[in-house]
PDB file of N, CA and C in Angstrom:
ATOM      1  N   MET A   1     100.951-172.868 135.336  1.00  0.00           N
ATOM      2  CA  MET A   1      99.870-174.069 135.201  1.00  0.00           C
ATOM      3  C   MET A   1      99.389-174.243 136.621  1.00  0.00           C
ATOM      4  N   ALA A   2      98.333-173.937 137.116  1.00  0.00           N
ATOM      5  CA  ALA A   2      97.651-174.572 138.238  1.00  0.00           C
ATOM      6  C   ALA A   2      97.377-176.055 138.172  1.00  0.00           C
ATOM      7  N   THR A   3      97.660-176.523 139.401  1.00  0.00           N
ATOM      8  CA  THR A   3      96.877-177.913 139.425  1.00  0.00           C
ATOM      9  C   THR A   3      96.531-178.467 140.869  1.00  0.00           C
ATOM     10  N   GLN A   4      96.164-179.546 141.002  1.00  0.00           N
ATOM     11  CA  GLN A   4      95.647-179.920 142.577  1.00  0.00           C
ATOM     12  C   GLN A   4      97.120-180.537 142.963  1.00  0.00           C
ATOM     13  N   GLY A   5      96.977-180.012 144.220  1.00  0.00           N
ATOM     14  CA  GLY A   5      98.059-180.847 145.007  1.00  0.00           C
ATOM     15  C   GLY A   5      97.520-181.885 146.019  1.00  0.00           C
ATOM     16  N   MET A   6      98.352-181.999 147.019  1.00  0.00           N
ATOM     17  CA  MET A   6      97.998-182.765 148.448  1.00  0.00           C
ATOM     18  C   MET A   6      96.658-181.834 148.863  1.00  0.00           C
ATOM     19  N   GLY A   7      95.605-183.033 149.310  1.00  0.00           N
ATOM     20  CA  GLY A   7      94.798-182.342 149.988  1.00  0.00           C
ATOM     21  C   GLY A   7      93.804-181.330 149.174  1.00  0.00           C
ATOM     22  N   GLY A   8      93.983-181.348 147.557  1.00  0.00           N
ATOM     23  CA  GLY A   8      93.149-180.555 146.839  1.00  0.00           C
ATOM     24  C   GLY A   8      93.570-179.166 146.885  1.00  0.00           C
ATOM     25  N   ILE A   9      94.671-178.725 147.511  1.00  0.00           N
ATOM     26  CA  ILE A   9      95.288-177.294 147.549  1.00  0.00           C
ATOM     27  C   ILE A   9      95.650-177.216 146.093  1.00  0.00           C
ATOM     28  N   PRO A  10      95.116-175.885 145.338  1.00  0.00           N
ATOM     29  CA  PRO A  10      95.958-175.334 143.729  1.00  0.00           C
ATOM     30  C   PRO A  10      97.259-175.050 144.181  1.00  0.00           C
ATOM     31  N   CYS A  11      97.873-175.608 143.244  1.00  0.00           N
ATOM     32  CA  CYS A  11      99.432-175.338 143.360  1.00  0.00           C
ATOM     33  C   CYS A  11     100.077-175.252 141.713  1.00  0.00           C
ATOM     34  N   ILE A  12     101.001-174.848 141.729  1.00  0.00           N
ATOM     35  CA  ILE A  12     101.849-174.537 140.486  1.00  0.00           C
ATOM     36  C   ILE A  12     102.856-175.440 140.521  1.00  0.00           C
ATOM     37  N   ASP A  13     103.436-176.197 139.210  1.00  0.00           N
ATOM     38  CA  ASP A  13     104.418-176.948 138.676  1.00  0.00           C
ATOM     39  C   ASP A  13     105.607-175.898 138.488  1.00  0.00           C
ATOM     40  N   ILE A  14     106.496-176.190 139.369  1.00  0.00           N
ATOM     41  CA  ILE A  14     108.054-175.549 138.918  1.00  0.00           C
ATOM     42  C   ILE A  14     108.713-176.657 138.590  1.00  0.00           C
ATOM     43  N   ILE A  15     109.628-176.302 137.625  1.00  0.00           N
ATOM     44  CA  ILE A  15     110.655-176.937 137.207  1.00  0.00           C
ATOM     45  C   ILE A  15     111.964-176.291 137.019  1.00  0.00           C
ATOM     46  N   LEU A  16     112.973-176.624 138.398  1.00  0.00           N
ATOM     47  CA  LEU A  16     114.228-175.852 138.304  1.00  0.00           C
ATOM     48  C   LEU A  16     115.344-176.384 137.807  1.00  0.00           C
ATOM     49  N   LYS A  17     115.781-176.242 137.235  1.00  0.00           N
ATOM     50  CA  LYS A  17     117.023-177.062 136.518  1.00  0.00           C
ATOM     51  C   LYS A  17     118.454-176.304 137.160  1.00  0.00           C
ATOM     52  N   LYS A  18     119.453-177.360 137.789  1.00  0.00           N
ATOM     53  CA  LYS A  18     120.395-176.780 138.672  1.00  0.00           C
ATOM     54  C   LYS A  18     121.465-176.648 137.166  1.00  0.00           C
ATOM     55  N   ILE A  19     122.299-175.379 138.103  1.00  0.00           N
ATOM     56  CA  ILE A  19     123.310-175.119 136.886  1.00  0.00           C
ATOM     57  C   ILE A  19     124.660-175.607 137.673  1.00  0.00           C
ATOM     58  N   PRO A  20     125.566-176.575 137.238  1.00  0.00           N
ATOM     59  CA  PRO A  20     126.692-177.016 137.939  1.00  0.00           C
ATOM     60  C   PRO A  20     127.516-175.758 138.443  1.00  0.00           C
ATOM     61  N   GLY A  21     128.117-175.656 139.748  1.00  0.00           N
ATOM     62  CA  GLY A  21     128.918-174.958 140.225  1.00  0.00           C
ATOM     63  C   GLY A  21     128.311-173.548 140.633  1.00  0.00           C
ATOM     64  N   THR A  22     126.547-173.351 140.648  1.00  0.00           N
ATOM     65  CA  THR A  22     126.120-172.354 141.149  1.00  0.00           C
ATOM     66  C   THR A  22     125.004-172.897 141.976  1.00  0.00           C
ATOM     67  N   GLY A  23     124.484-171.741 142.993  1.00  0.00           N
ATOM     68  CA  GLY A  23     123.649-172.153 143.991  1.00  0.00           C
ATOM     69  C   GLY A  23     122.187-171.996 143.204  1.00  0.00           C
ATOM     70  N   LEU A  24     121.056-172.720 143.810  1.00  0.00           N
ATOM     71  CA  LEU A  24     119.858-172.729 143.436  1.00  0.00           C
ATOM     72  C   LEU A  24     119.363-171.418 143.085  1.00  0.00           C
ATOM     73  N   GLY A  25     119.783-170.086 144.224  1.00  0.00           N
ATOM     74  CA  GLY A  25     119.275-168.857 143.950  1.00  0.00           C
ATOM     75  C   GLY A  25     118.162-168.598 144.920  1.00  0.00           C
ATOM     76  N   PHE A  26     117.705-169.388 145.763  1.00  0.00           N
ATOM     77  CA  PHE A  26     116.787-169.348 146.397  1.00  0.00           C
ATOM     78  C   PHE A  26     116.671-169.497 147.832  1.00  0.00           C
ATOM     79  N   SER A  27     116.579-169.033 149.031  1.00  0.00           N
ATOM     80  CA  SER A  27     116.466-169.145 150.474  1.00  0.00           C
ATOM     81  C   SER A  27     114.790-169.693 150.699  1.00  0.00           C
ATOM     82  N   ILE A  28     114.888-170.726 151.866  1.00  0.00           N
ATOM     83  CA  ILE A  28     113.747-171.057 152.647  1.00  0.00           C
ATOM     84  C   ILE A  28     113.362-170.429 154.002  1.00  0.00           C
ATOM     85  N   ALA A  29     112.408-170.347 154.332  1.00  0.00           N
ATOM     86  CA  ALA A  29     112.042-170.228 155.802  1.00  0.00           C
ATOM     87  C   ALA A  29     110.879-171.116 156.109  1.00  0.00           C
ATOM     88  N   GLY A  30     110.877-171.433 157.461  1.00  0.00           N
ATOM     89  CA  GLY A  30     109.572-172.413 157.919  1.00  0.00           C
ATOM     90  C   GLY A  30     110.226-174.177 158.034  1.00  0.00           C
ATOM     91  N   GLY A  31     108.959-174.697 158.717  1.00  0.00           N
ATOM     92  CA  GLY A  31     109.577-176.089 159.104  1.00  0.00           C
ATOM     93  C   GLY A  31     108.680-176.311 160.358  1.00  0.00           C
ATOM     94  N   ILE A  32     108.280-177.661 160.633  1.00  0.00           N
ATOM     95  CA  ILE A  32     107.516-177.929 161.751  1.00  0.00           C
ATOM     96  C   ILE A  32     108.581-177.979 162.716  1.00  0.00           C
ATOM     97  N   ASP A  33     109.883-177.577 162.982  1.00  0.00           N
ATOM     98  CA  ASP A  33     110.903-177.516 163.667  1.00  0.00           C
ATOM     99  C   ASP A  33     110.995-175.810 164.133  1.00  0.00           C
ATOM    100  N   GLN A  34     110.404-175.479 163.590  1.00  0.00           N
ATOM    101  CA  GLN A  34     110.575-173.679 163.325  1.00  0.00           C
ATOM    102  C   GLN A  34     109.499-172.931 164.281  1.00  0.00           C
ATOM    103  N   ASP A  35     109.867-171.791 164.944  1.00  0.00           N
ATOM    104  CA  ASP A  35     108.670-171.023 165.601  1.00  0.00           C
ATOM    105  C   ASP A  35     107.430-170.607 164.266  1.00  0.00           C
ATOM    106  N   LYS A  36     106.712-171.586 164.299  1.00  0.00           N
ATOM    107  CA  LYS A  36     105.558-170.735 163.738  1.00  0.00           C
ATOM    108  C   LYS A  36     104.752-169.725 163.740  1.00  0.00           C
ATOM    109  N   SER A  37     105.089-168.899 164.829  1.00  0.00           N
ATOM    110  CA  SER A  37     104.202-167.673 164.984  1.00  0.00           C
ATOM    111  C   SER A  37     105.021-166.631 164.374  1.00  0.00           C
ATOM    112  N   LYS A  38     106.564-166.971 164.238  1.00  0.00           N
ATOM    113  CA  LYS A  38     107.022-165.941 163.541  1.00  0.00           C
ATOM    114  C   LYS A  38     107.147-166.039 161.544  1.00  0.00           C
ATOM    115  N   ASN A  39     106.374-166.934 161.327  1.00  0.00           N
ATOM    116  CA  ASN A  39     106.060-167.399 159.906  1.00  0.00           C
ATOM    117  C   ASN A  39     105.798-166.060 159.224  1.00  0.00           C
ATOM    118  N   PRO A  40     106.626-165.306 158.336  1.00  0.00           N
ATOM    119  CA  PRO A  40     106.141-163.751 158.209  1.00  0.00           C
ATOM    120  C   PRO A  40     104.999-164.167 156.516  1.00  0.00           C
ATOM    121  N   PHE A  41     104.764-165.215 156.141  1.00  0.00           N
ATOM    122  CA  PHE A  41     103.926-165.412 154.964  1.00  0.00           C
ATOM    123  C   PHE A  41     102.646-165.828 155.472  1.00  0.00           C
ATOM    124  N   ILE A  42     102.635-166.932 156.532  1.00  0.00           N
ATOM    125  CA  ILE A  42     101.072-167.149 157.106  1.00  0.00           C
ATOM    126  C   ILE A  42     101.689-167.302 158.278  1.00  0.00           C
ATOM    127  N   PRO A  43     100.920-166.650 159.024  1.00  0.00           N
ATOM    128  CA  PRO A  43     101.595-166.886 160.668  1.00  0.00           C
ATOM    129  C   PRO A  43     100.397-167.961 161.099  1.00  0.00           C
ATOM    130  N   GLY A  44     101.419-168.845 161.707  1.00  0.00           N
ATOM    131  CA  GLY A  44     100.893-170.122 162.130  1.00  0.00           C
ATOM    132  C   GLY A  44     101.155-171.742 161.204  1.00  0.00           C
ATOM    133  N   ASP A  45     101.444-171.004 160.322  1.00  0.00           N
ATOM    134  CA  ASP A  45     101.479-172.186 159.320  1.00  0.00           C
ATOM    135  C   ASP A  45     103.185-172.880 159.483  1.00  0.00           C
ATOM    136  N   GLU A  46     103.242-174.071 159.406  1.00  0.00           N
ATOM    137  CA  GLU A  46     104.877-174.902 159.651  1.00  0.00           C
ATOM    138  C   GLU A  46     105.186-175.250 158.564  1.00  0.00           C
ATOM    139  N   GLY A  47     104.726-174.740 157.294  1.00  0.00           N
ATOM    140  CA  GLY A  47     105.115-174.901 156.099  1.00  0.00           C
ATOM    141  C   GLY A  47     106.469-174.372 155.607  1.00  0.00           C
ATOM    142  N   ILE A  48     107.089-175.034 154.557  1.00  0.00           N
ATOM    143  CA  ILE A  48     108.478-174.329 153.994  1.00  0.00           C
ATOM    144  C   ILE A  48     108.219-173.443 152.750  1.00  0.00           C
ATOM    145  N   PHE A  49     108.713-172.073 153.177  1.00  0.00           N
ATOM    146  CA  PHE A  49     108.354-171.221 152.523  1.00  0.00           C
ATOM    147  C   PHE A  49     109.273-170.583 151.773  1.00  0.00           C
ATOM    148  N   VAL A  50     109.514-170.200 150.457  1.00  0.00           N
ATOM    149  CA  VAL A  50     110.553-169.197 149.329  1.00  0.00           C
ATOM    150  C   VAL A  50     110.783-167.843 150.343  1.00  0.00           C
ATOM    151  N   SER A  51     111.791-167.561 151.146  1.00  0.00           N
ATOM    152  CA  SER A  51     112.059-166.439 151.483  1.00  0.00           C
ATOM    153  C   SER A  51     112.893-165.182 150.662  1.00  0.00           C
ATOM    154  N   VAL A  52     113.584-165.967 149.971  1.00  0.00           N
ATOM    155  CA  VAL A  52     114.282-165.294 149.030  1.00  0.00           C
ATOM    156  C   VAL A  52     114.674-165.523 147.690  1.00  0.00           C
ATOM    157  N   VAL A  53     114.389-164.791 146.489  1.00  0.00           N
ATOM    158  CA  VAL A  53     114.777-165.436 145.135  1.00  0.00           C
ATOM    159  C   VAL A  53     115.954-164.290 144.717  1.00  0.00           C
ATOM    160  N   ARG A  54     116.890-165.070 144.047  1.00  0.00           N
ATOM    161  CA  ARG A  54     117.964-164.011 143.575  1.00  0.00           C
ATOM    162  C   ARG A  54     117.824-163.825 142.143  1.00  0.00           C
ATOM    163  N   PRO A  55     117.767-162.748 141.697  1.00  0.00           N
ATOM    164  CA  PRO A  55     117.925-162.157 140.438  1.00  0.00           C
ATOM    165  C   PRO A  55     118.592-163.123 139.728  1.00  0.00           C
ATOM    166  N   GLY A  56     118.432-163.740 138.465  1.00  0.00           N
ATOM    167  CA  GLY A  56     119.304-164.148 136.849  1.00  0.00           C
ATOM    168  C   GLY A  56     119.675-165.634 137.639  1.00  0.00           C
ATOM    169  N   THR A  57     119.172-166.227 138.542  1.00  0.00           N
ATOM    170  CA  THR A  57     119.436-167.731 139.166  1.00  0.00           C
ATOM    171  C   THR A  57     118.476-168.538 138.672  1.00  0.00           C
ATOM    172  N   PRO A  58     119.005-169.863 138.489  1.00  0.00           N
ATOM    173  CA  PRO A  58     117.902-170.660 138.135  1.00  0.00           C
ATOM    174  C   PRO A  58     116.361-170.737 138.876  1.00  0.00           C
ATOM    175  N   ALA A  59     116.173-170.424 140.188  1.00  0.00           N
ATOM    176  CA  ALA A  59     115.220-170.180 141.028  1.00  0.00           C
ATOM    177  C   ALA A  59     114.165-168.998 140.146  1.00  0.00           C
ATOM    178  N   GLU A  60     114.815-168.152 140.064  1.00  0.00           N
ATOM    179  CA  GLU A  60     114.071-166.723 138.998  1.00  0.00           C
ATOM    180  C   GLU A  60     113.565-167.024 138.202  1.00  0.00           C
ATOM    181  N   LEU A  61     114.914-167.932 137.174  1.00  0.00           N
ATOM    182  CA  LEU A  61     114.115-168.235 135.520  1.00  0.00           C
ATOM    183  C   LEU A  61     113.293-169.150 135.914  1.00  0.00           C
ATOM    184  N   SER A  62     112.889-170.103 136.870  1.00  0.00           N
ATOM    185  CA  SER A  62     111.822-171.395 136.855  1.00  0.00           C
ATOM    186  C   SER A  62     110.486-170.474 137.028  1.00  0.00           C
ATOM    187  N   GLY A  63     110.236-169.391 137.865  1.00  0.00           N
ATOM    188  CA  GLY A  63     109.370-168.798 137.846  1.00  0.00           C
ATOM    189  C   GLY A  63     108.942-168.758 139.575  1.00  0.00           C
ATOM    190  N   LEU A  64     109.669-169.243 140.204  1.00  0.00           N
ATOM    191  CA  LEU A  64     109.775-169.379 141.702  1.00  0.00           C
ATOM    192  C   LEU A  64     109.503-167.859 142.172  1.00  0.00           C
ATOM    193  N   VAL A  65     109.022-167.591 143.277  1.00  0.00           N
ATOM    194  CA  VAL A  65     108.578-166.254 144.047  1.00  0.00           C
ATOM    195  C   VAL A  65     108.440-166.147 145.287  1.00  0.00           C
ATOM    196  N   VAL A  66     109.007-165.198 145.598  1.00  0.00           N
ATOM    197  CA  VAL A  66     109.004-165.258 147.346  1.00  0.00           C
ATOM    198  C   VAL A  66     107.696-165.065 147.823  1.00  0.00           C
ATOM    199  N   GLY A  67     107.281-166.166 148.828  1.00  0.00           N
ATOM    200  CA  GLY A  67     106.413-166.470 149.442  1.00  0.00           C
ATOM    201  C   GLY A  67     105.568-167.564 148.963  1.00  0.00           C
ATOM    202  N   ASP A  68     105.905-168.316 147.847  1.00  0.00           N
ATOM    203  CA  ASP A  68     105.509-169.862 147.524  1.00  0.00           C
ATOM    204  C   ASP A  68     105.962-170.844 148.868  1.00  0.00           C
ATOM    205  N   LYS A  69     104.719-171.431 148.921  1.00  0.00           N
ATOM    206  CA  LYS A  69     104.985-172.560 149.974  1.00  0.00           C
ATOM    207  C   LYS A  69     105.358-174.050 149.046  1.00  0.00           C
ATOM    208  N   ILE A  70     106.155-174.544 149.625  1.00  0.00           N
ATOM    209  CA  ILE A  70     106.839-175.753 148.670  1.00  0.00           C
ATOM    210  C   ILE A  70     106.010-176.781 149.362  1.00  0.00           C
ATOM    211  N   LEU A  71     105.259-177.672 148.655  1.00  0.00           N
ATOM    212  CA  LEU A  71     104.491-178.517 148.940  1.00  0.00           C
ATOM    213  C   LEU A  71     105.219-180.075 148.665  1.00  0.00           C
ATOM    214  N   GLU A  72     105.849-179.848 147.491  1.00  0.00           N
ATOM    215  CA  GLU A  72     106.489-181.213 147.211  1.00  0.00           C
ATOM    216  C   GLU A  72     107.643-181.034 146.220  1.00  0.00           C
ATOM    217  N   VAL A  73     109.146-181.830 146.363  1.00  0.00           N
ATOM    218  CA  VAL A  73     109.995-181.643 145.718  1.00  0.00           C
ATOM    219  C   VAL A  73     110.497-183.190 144.898  1.00  0.00           C
ATOM    220  N   ASN A  74     110.333-182.705 143.662  1.00  0.00           N
ATOM    221  CA  ASN A  74     110.493-184.498 143.085  1.00  0.00           C
ATOM    222  C   ASN A  74     109.573-185.589 143.511  1.00  0.00           C
ATOM    223  N   GLY A  75     108.248-185.589 143.986  1.00  0.00           N
ATOM    224  CA  GLY A  75     107.380-186.446 144.506  1.00  0.00           C
ATOM    225  C   GLY A  75     107.687-186.348 146.094  1.00  0.00           C
ATOM    226  N   LEU A  76     108.471-185.999 146.580  1.00  0.00           N
ATOM    227  CA  LEU A  76     108.426-186.155 148.195  1.00  0.00           C
ATOM    228  C   LEU A  76     107.944-184.826 148.657  1.00  0.00           C
ATOM    229  N   ASP A  77     106.994-185.564 149.740  1.00  0.00           N
ATOM    230  CA  ASP A  77     106.114-184.565 150.240  1.00  0.00           C
ATOM    231  C   ASP A  77     107.041-183.535 151.349  1.00  0.00           C
ATOM    232  N   LEU A  78     106.934-182.427 151.385  1.00  0.00           N
ATOM    233  CA  LEU A  78     107.621-181.558 152.426  1.00  0.00           C
ATOM    234  C   LEU A  78     106.483-180.844 153.185  1.00  0.00           C
ATOM    235  N   THR A  79     105.047-181.234 153.456  1.00  0.00           N
ATOM    236  CA  THR A  79     104.200-180.510 154.123  1.00  0.00           C
ATOM    237  C   THR A  79     104.595-180.381 155.763  1.00  0.00           C
ATOM    238  N   MET A  80     105.333-181.700 156.111  1.00  0.00           N
ATOM    239  CA  MET A  80     105.664-181.809 157.332  1.00  0.00           C
ATOM    240  C   MET A  80     106.945-181.719 157.792  1.00  0.00           C
ATOM    241  N   SER A  81     107.913-181.149 156.901  1.00  0.00           N
ATOM    242  CA  SER A  81     109.521-181.193 156.826  1.00  0.00           C
ATOM    243  C   SER A  81     110.002-180.389 158.159  1.00  0.00           C
ATOM    244  N   THR A  82     111.251-180.528 158.331  1.00  0.00           N
ATOM    245  CA  THR A  82     111.746-179.807 159.353  1.00  0.00           C
ATOM    246  C   THR A  82     112.619-178.920 158.148  1.00  0.00           C
ATOM    247  N   HIS A  83     113.081-178.282 158.867  1.00  0.00           N
ATOM    248  CA  HIS A  83     113.903-176.856 157.838  1.00  0.00           C
ATOM    249  C   HIS A  83     115.211-177.551 157.605  1.00  0.00           C
ATOM    250  N   SER A  84     115.774-178.401 158.369  1.00  0.00           N
ATOM    251  CA  SER A  84     116.898-178.867 157.602  1.00  0.00           C
ATOM    252  C   SER A  84     117.079-180.010 156.510  1.00  0.00           C
ATOM    253  N   HIS A  85     115.634-180.853 157.112  1.00  0.00           N
ATOM    254  CA  HIS A  85     115.410-181.738 156.259  1.00  0.00           C
ATOM    255  C   HIS A  85     115.109-181.140 154.730  1.00  0.00           C
ATOM    256  N   ALA A  86     114.172-180.035 154.788  1.00  0.00           N
ATOM    257  CA  ALA A  86     114.246-179.237 153.532  1.00  0.00           C
ATOM    258  C   ALA A  86     115.596-178.965 152.536  1.00  0.00           C
ATOM    259  N   ILE A  87     116.051-178.586 153.378  1.00  0.00           N
ATOM    260  CA  ILE A  87     117.482-177.964 152.786  1.00  0.00           C
ATOM    261  C   ILE A  87     118.387-178.937 152.522  1.00  0.00           C
ATOM    262  N   LYS A  88     118.478-180.189 153.163  1.00  0.00           N
ATOM    263  CA  LYS A  88     119.233-181.339 152.278  1.00  0.00           C
ATOM    264  C   LYS A  88     118.459-182.007 151.009  1.00  0.00           C
ATOM    265  N   LEU A  89     117.229-181.854 150.970  1.00  0.00           N
ATOM    266  CA  LEU A  89     116.476-182.448 149.817  1.00  0.00           C
ATOM    267  C   LEU A  89     116.524-181.679 148.656  1.00  0.00           C
ATOM    268  N   LEU A  90     116.659-180.422 148.877  1.00  0.00           N
ATOM    269  CA  LEU A  90     116.686-178.992 148.114  1.00  0.00           C
ATOM    270  C   LEU A  90     118.082-179.093 147.310  1.00  0.00           C
ATOM    271  N   THR A  91     118.977-179.469 147.937  1.00  0.00           N
ATOM    272  CA  THR A  91     120.613-179.354 147.706  1.00  0.00           C
ATOM    273  C   THR A  91     121.424-180.866 147.387  1.00  0.00           C
ATOM    274  N   LYS A  92     120.446-181.945 147.459  1.00  0.00           N
ATOM    275  CA  LYS A  92     120.847-183.279 146.914  1.00  0.00           C
ATOM    276  C   LYS A  92     121.674-183.332 145.567  1.00  0.00           C
ATOM    277  N   GLU A  93     122.721-183.504 145.667  1.00  0.00           N
ATOM    278  CA  GLU A  93     123.356-183.853 144.587  1.00  0.00           C
ATOM    279  C   GLU A  93     123.006-184.302 143.349  1.00  0.00           C
ATOM    280  N   LYS A  94     122.374-185.404 143.764  1.00  0.00           N
ATOM    281  CA  LYS A  94     121.829-186.344 142.786  1.00  0.00           C
ATOM    282  C   LYS A  94     120.785-185.817 141.661  1.00  0.00           C
ATOM    283  N   PHE A  95     120.172-184.798 142.369  1.00  0.00           N
ATOM    284  CA  PHE A  95     119.249-184.434 141.615  1.00  0.00           C
ATOM    285  C   PHE A  95     120.021-183.087 140.844  1.00  0.00           C
ATOM    286  N   THR A  96     119.564-182.878 139.730  1.00  0.00           N
ATOM    287  CA  THR A  96     120.043-181.960 138.817  1.00  0.00           C
ATOM    288  C   THR A  96     118.583-181.351 138.334  1.00  0.00           C
ATOM    289  N   VAL A  97     117.700-181.877 138.404  1.00  0.00           N
ATOM    290  CA  VAL A  97     116.134-181.175 137.796  1.00  0.00           C
ATOM    291  C   VAL A  97     115.486-181.370 139.436  1.00  0.00           C
ATOM    292  N   LEU A  98     114.850-180.073 139.680  1.00  0.00           N
ATOM    293  CA  LEU A  98     113.942-180.068 140.870  1.00  0.00           C
ATOM    294  C   LEU A  98     112.373-179.940 140.468  1.00  0.00           C
ATOM    295  N   LYS A  99     111.771-180.888 140.534  1.00  0.00           N
ATOM    296  CA  LYS A  99     110.169-180.927 139.946  1.00  0.00           C
ATOM    297  C   LYS A  99     109.464-180.412 141.307  1.00  0.00           C
ATOM    298  N   MET A 100     108.838-179.142 141.489  1.00  0.00           N
ATOM    299  CA  MET A 100     108.207-178.972 142.437  1.00  0.00           C
ATOM    300  C   MET A 100     106.938-178.221 142.362  1.00  0.00           C
ATOM    301  N   LYS A 101     106.122-178.107 143.252  1.00  0.00           N
ATOM    302  CA  LYS A 101     104.553-178.434 143.512  1.00  0.00           C
ATOM    303  C   LYS A 101     104.352-176.949 144.734  1.00  0.00           C
ATOM    304  N   VAL A 102     104.313-175.881 144.500  1.00  0.00           N
ATOM    305  CA  VAL A 102     104.133-174.684 145.523  1.00  0.00           C
ATOM    306  C   VAL A 102     102.815-174.137 145.229  1.00  0.00           C
ATOM    307  N   HIS A 103     102.183-173.960 146.409  1.00  0.00           N
ATOM    308  CA  HIS A 103     101.368-173.380 146.593  1.00  0.00           C
ATOM    309  C   HIS A 103     101.598-171.526 146.755  1.00  0.00           C
ATOM    310  N   ARG A 104     101.115-170.907 145.835  1.00  0.00           N
ATOM    311  CA  ARG A 104     101.012-169.854 145.672  1.00  0.00           C
ATOM    312  C   ARG A 104      99.422-168.930 146.115  1.00  0.00           C
ATOM    313  N   ARG A 105      99.792-167.953 147.083  1.00  0.00           N
ATOM    314  CA  ARG A 105      98.579-167.563 147.739  1.00  0.00           C
ATOM    315  C   ARG A 105      97.569-166.675 146.260  1.00  0.00           C
ATOM    316  N   GLY A 106      96.663-166.634 146.114  1.00  0.00           N
ATOM    317  CA  GLY A 106      95.941-165.617 144.972  1.00  0.00           C
ATOM    318  C   GLY A 106      95.688-166.924 144.064  1.00  0.00           C
ATOM    319  N   ILE A 107      95.963-167.854 143.882  1.00  0.00           N
ATOM    320  CA  ILE A 107      95.507-168.778 142.716  1.00  0.00           C
ATOM    321  C   ILE A 107      94.245-169.580 142.851  1.00  0.00           C
TER     322      ILE A 107
END
């Protein structure tokens, strides 16, 4: 379901439920500390993007897809995040559910 994110950007709400003892099932690329000219999704964009989604994992089951730009996680803004900060936030043990707002091109 498309909603409005920060700055009026159309976004999708994703609910990812962690499964104890397993990974989230996705990898990220990007961040304000990375070389934005090498962003394979939107050249020049410093955002955090989903770069890999593994089959049968919480990420795939939640509807996350490669190329999604992660705008928020549990209400916390990721639009100006470093790569390492995004990883720390996504893997924080106290979060058993990740409520994400993502921008998907074409919506």
